[in-house]
């Protein structure tokens, strides 16, 4: 899995909040919360695209037998209807 890392300067963020008038305790809490979020692994767009393509292929493979089954069933029904109208 391809992941991305986000660099986040918690001290600079807290200092900026304090400069804007946010109490120091609140500024530190906000910085800690955002650091926790940014510290998680984020997946890349390429990874998501690959997973979506894989799921599309799996769905197509799962639906293929249903398509053939439906075609055979419809063919059988059409054959029965034709035989009822045109008996030998």
Protein backbone atom coordinates (compact mmCIF):
# COMPACT_ATOMS: atom_id res chain seq x y z
CA UNK A 1 0.00 0.00 0.00
CA UNK A 2 1.34 3.40 -0.96
CA UNK A 3 0.96 5.93 1.82
CA UNK A 4 1.61 9.63 2.20
CA UNK A 5 3.05 11.46 5.17
CA UNK A 6 2.02 14.98 6.07
CA UNK A 7 4.57 17.18 7.84
CA UNK A 8 2.89 19.21 10.59
CA UNK A 9 4.66 21.66 12.92
CA UNK A 10 2.58 21.53 16.10
CA UNK A 11 4.60 24.24 17.84
CA UNK A 12 4.22 26.72 14.98
CA UNK A 13 0.52 25.93 14.76
CA UNK A 14 -0.03 26.47 18.50
CA UNK A 15 2.01 29.69 18.41
CA UNK A 16 -0.08 30.99 15.51
CA UNK A 17 -3.29 30.22 17.37
CA UNK A 18 -1.97 31.96 20.49
CA UNK A 19 -1.03 35.02 18.41
CA UNK A 20 -4.62 35.11 17.12
CA UNK A 21 -5.92 35.27 20.69
CA UNK A 22 -6.64 31.60 21.39
CA UNK A 23 -5.76 30.64 24.99
CA UNK A 24 -2.54 28.58 25.21
CA UNK A 25 -4.28 25.47 26.57
CA UNK A 26 -6.75 25.50 23.67
CA UNK A 27 -4.01 26.13 21.12
CA UNK A 28 -2.02 23.14 22.43
CA UNK A 29 -5.13 20.93 22.39
CA UNK A 30 -5.89 21.88 18.79
CA UNK A 31 -2.28 21.23 17.77
CA UNK A 32 -2.30 17.83 19.50
CA UNK A 33 -5.61 16.83 17.85
CA UNK A 34 -4.41 17.80 14.37
CA UNK A 35 -1.08 16.08 14.93
CA UNK A 36 -2.97 12.90 15.79
CA UNK A 37 -4.97 13.14 12.58
CA UNK A 38 -1.97 13.93 10.37
CA UNK A 39 0.07 11.19 12.03
CA UNK A 40 -2.20 8.53 10.59
CA UNK A 41 -1.23 6.92 7.32
CA UNK A 42 -2.98 8.35 4.31
CA UNK A 43 -3.38 6.35 1.13
CA UNK A 44 -2.41 7.72 -2.25
CA UNK A 45 -4.74 8.32 -5.18
CA UNK A 46 -2.83 5.68 -7.15
CA UNK A 47 -3.56 3.09 -4.46
CA UNK A 48 -7.26 3.96 -4.46
CA UNK A 49 -7.40 3.82 -8.27
CA UNK A 50 -5.75 0.39 -8.25
CA UNK A 51 -8.17 -0.93 -5.63
CA UNK A 52 -11.18 0.43 -7.54
CA UNK A 53 -9.92 -1.20 -10.76
CA UNK A 54 -9.41 -4.50 -8.91
CA UNK A 55 -12.96 -4.35 -7.55
CA UNK A 56 -14.35 -3.54 -11.01
CA UNK A 57 -12.62 -6.61 -12.44
CA UNK A 58 -13.91 -8.82 -9.61
CA UNK A 59 -17.47 -7.57 -10.11
CA UNK A 60 -17.24 -8.14 -13.87
CA UNK A 61 -15.95 -11.67 -13.28
CA UNK A 62 -18.77 -12.37 -10.82
CA UNK A 63 -21.42 -11.06 -13.22
CA UNK A 64 -20.21 -12.94 -16.31
CA UNK A 65 -21.86 -16.27 -15.35
CA UNK A 66 -25.10 -14.45 -14.60
CA UNK A 67 -25.09 -12.88 -18.06
CA UNK A 68 -24.58 -16.28 -19.72
CA UNK A 69 -27.18 -17.89 -17.48
CA UNK A 70 -29.70 -15.22 -18.36
CA UNK A 71 -28.98 -15.57 -22.08
CA UNK A 72 -29.42 -19.36 -21.94
CA UNK A 73 -32.64 -19.04 -19.93
CA UNK A 74 -34.12 -16.49 -22.34
CA UNK A 75 -33.08 -18.68 -25.26
CA UNK A 76 -34.82 -21.66 -23.67
CA UNK A 77 -37.99 -19.69 -23.05
CA UNK A 78 -38.04 -18.40 -26.62
CA UNK A 79 -37.54 -21.97 -27.88
CA UNK A 80 -40.48 -23.23 -25.79
CA UNK A 81 -42.71 -20.42 -27.00
CA UNK A 82 -41.81 -21.09 -30.63
CA UNK A 83 -42.40 -24.83 -30.21
CA UNK A 84 -45.85 -24.15 -28.75
CA UNK A 85 -46.81 -22.07 -31.79
CA UNK A 86 -45.05 -24.28 -34.36
CA UNK A 87 -45.28 -27.90 -33.21
CA UNK A 88 -43.70 -30.64 -35.35
